[in-house]
Amino acid sequence: MPEHSTTVRDVSALRVARAGRVEKSDDPLRPFRLLDADGTEVAAVSEFLHYMLADDARPTTLRSYAYELLA
């Protein structure tokens, strides 16, 4: 296969299995949480986000991290 292919890949047909979701919470100490595919909170991620909040991370930053960890 050549190093640089000119073939264009149609990404509109790609399907990625849903592995979970990020959910907004009403708890100000845990404004976002990551849920696995079964809807169970991923405790290690929640703990990580909680420590970030304790270190003055903004809720929007926590949301971004949660989505990155979901990916």
C-alpha atoms as a PDB file:
ATOM      1  CA  MET A   1       0.000   0.000   0.000  1.00  0.00           C
ATOM      2  CA  PRO A   2       1.419   3.413  -0.886  1.00  0.00           C
ATOM      3  CA  GLU A   3       2.414   5.674   1.953  1.00  0.00           C
ATOM      4  CA  HIS A   4       0.073   8.458   0.859  1.00  0.00           C
ATOM      5  CA  SER A   5      -3.220   7.191  -0.481  1.00  0.00           C
ATOM      6  CA  THR A   6      -5.535   9.424  -2.496  1.00  0.00           C
ATOM      7  CA  THR A   7      -8.605   7.357  -1.609  1.00  0.00           C
ATOM      8  CA  VAL A   8     -11.227   9.401   0.216  1.00  0.00           C
ATOM      9  CA  ARG A   9     -12.870   7.570   3.080  1.00  0.00           C
ATOM     10  CA  ASP A  10     -16.607   8.104   3.555  1.00  0.00           C
ATOM     11  CA  VAL A  11     -16.861   8.735   7.297  1.00  0.00           C
ATOM     12  CA  SER A  12     -20.607   9.432   7.138  1.00  0.00           C
ATOM     13  CA  ALA A  13     -21.162   5.666   7.037  1.00  0.00           C
ATOM     14  CA  LEU A  14     -19.155   4.970  10.204  1.00  0.00           C
ATOM     15  CA  ARG A  15     -21.079   3.703  13.229  1.00  0.00           C
ATOM     16  CA  VAL A  16     -19.493   3.738  16.673  1.00  0.00           C
ATOM     17  CA  ALA A  17     -20.999   1.653  19.451  1.00  0.00           C
ATOM     18  CA  ARG A  18     -22.254   3.721  22.350  1.00  0.00           C
ATOM     19  CA  ALA A  19     -20.016   2.994  25.325  1.00  0.00           C
ATOM     20  CA  GLY A  20     -21.697   5.294  27.822  1.00  0.00           C
ATOM     21  CA  ARG A  21     -22.641   8.914  28.331  1.00  0.00           C
ATOM     22  CA  VAL A  22     -21.865  12.048  30.291  1.00  0.00           C
ATOM     23  CA  GLU A  23     -24.688  13.285  32.477  1.00  0.00           C
ATOM     24  CA  LYS A  24     -25.202  16.634  34.201  1.00  0.00           C
ATOM     25  CA  SER A  25     -25.910  16.321  37.906  1.00  0.00           C
ATOM     26  CA  ASP A  26     -27.753  18.575  40.362  1.00  0.00           C
ATOM     27  CA  ASP A  27     -24.965  17.995  42.904  1.00  0.00           C
ATOM     28  CA  PRO A  28     -22.671  21.074  42.955  1.00  0.00           C
ATOM     29  CA  LEU A  29     -19.808  18.919  44.260  1.00  0.00           C
ATOM     30  CA  ARG A  30     -20.158  16.527  41.301  1.00  0.00           C
ATOM     31  CA  PRO A  31     -21.649  18.580  38.456  1.00  0.00           C
ATOM     32  CA  PHE A  32     -20.987  15.910  35.797  1.00  0.00           C
ATOM     33  CA  ARG A  33     -20.664  12.162  35.899  1.00  0.00           C
ATOM     34  CA  LEU A  34     -19.697   9.500  33.421  1.00  0.00           C
ATOM     35  CA  LEU A  35     -22.025   6.543  33.023  1.00  0.00           C
ATOM     36  CA  ASP A  36     -21.040   3.258  31.378  1.00  0.00           C
ATOM     37  CA  ALA A  37     -23.109   1.487  28.723  1.00  0.00           C
ATOM     38  CA  ASP A  38     -25.345  -0.022  31.438  1.00  0.00           C
ATOM     39  CA  GLY A  39     -26.038   3.391  33.009  1.00  0.00           C
ATOM     40  CA  THR A  40     -23.816   2.751  36.030  1.00  0.00           C
ATOM     41  CA  GLU A  41     -21.662   5.616  37.258  1.00  0.00           C
ATOM     42  CA  VAL A  42     -17.944   5.035  36.677  1.00  0.00           C
ATOM     43  CA  ALA A  43     -16.664   5.610  40.214  1.00  0.00           C
ATOM     44  CA  ALA A  44     -13.009   6.155  39.295  1.00  0.00           C
ATOM     45  CA  VAL A  45     -13.948   8.941  36.871  1.00  0.00           C
ATOM     46  CA  SER A  46     -16.305  10.548  39.390  1.00  0.00           C
ATOM     47  CA  GLU A  47     -13.550  10.547  41.983  1.00  0.00           C
ATOM     48  CA  PHE A  48     -11.091  12.052  39.495  1.00  0.00           C
ATOM     49  CA  LEU A  49     -13.542  14.824  38.542  1.00  0.00           C
ATOM     50  CA  HIS A  50     -14.267  15.505  42.218  1.00  0.00           C
ATOM     51  CA  TYR A  51     -10.553  15.984  42.925  1.00  0.00           C
ATOM     52  CA  MET A  52     -10.272  18.298  39.930  1.00  0.00           C
ATOM     53  CA  LEU A  53     -13.141  20.376  41.302  1.00  0.00           C
ATOM     54  CA  ALA A  54     -11.386  20.520  44.676  1.00  0.00           C
ATOM     55  CA  ASP A  55      -8.351  21.915  42.836  1.00  0.00           C
ATOM     56  CA  ASP A  56     -10.526  24.782  41.493  1.00  0.00           C
ATOM     57  CA  ALA A  57     -11.304  23.342  38.056  1.00  0.00           C
ATOM     58  CA  ARG A  58     -14.372  24.945  36.508  1.00  0.00           C
ATOM     59  CA  PRO A  59     -17.462  22.789  35.891  1.00  0.00           C
ATOM     60  CA  THR A  60     -17.043  23.302  32.143  1.00  0.00           C
ATOM     61  CA  THR A  61     -13.531  21.844  32.423  1.00  0.00           C
ATOM     62  CA  LEU A  62     -14.935  18.828  34.269  1.00  0.00           C
ATOM     63  CA  ARG A  63     -17.467  18.359  31.507  1.00  0.00           C
ATOM     64  CA  SER A  64     -14.731  18.456  28.877  1.00  0.00           C
ATOM     65  CA  TYR A  65     -12.621  15.918  30.759  1.00  0.00           C
ATOM     66  CA  ALA A  66     -15.622  13.633  31.206  1.00  0.00           C
ATOM     67  CA  TYR A  67     -16.295  13.663  27.449  1.00  0.00           C
ATOM     68  CA  GLU A  68     -12.619  13.006  26.692  1.00  0.00           C
ATOM     69  CA  LEU A  69     -12.613  10.045  29.069  1.00  0.00           C
ATOM     70  CA  LEU A  70     -15.801   8.787  27.418  1.00  0.00           C
ATOM     71  CA  ALA A  71     -14.085   8.903  24.028  1.00  0.00           C
END
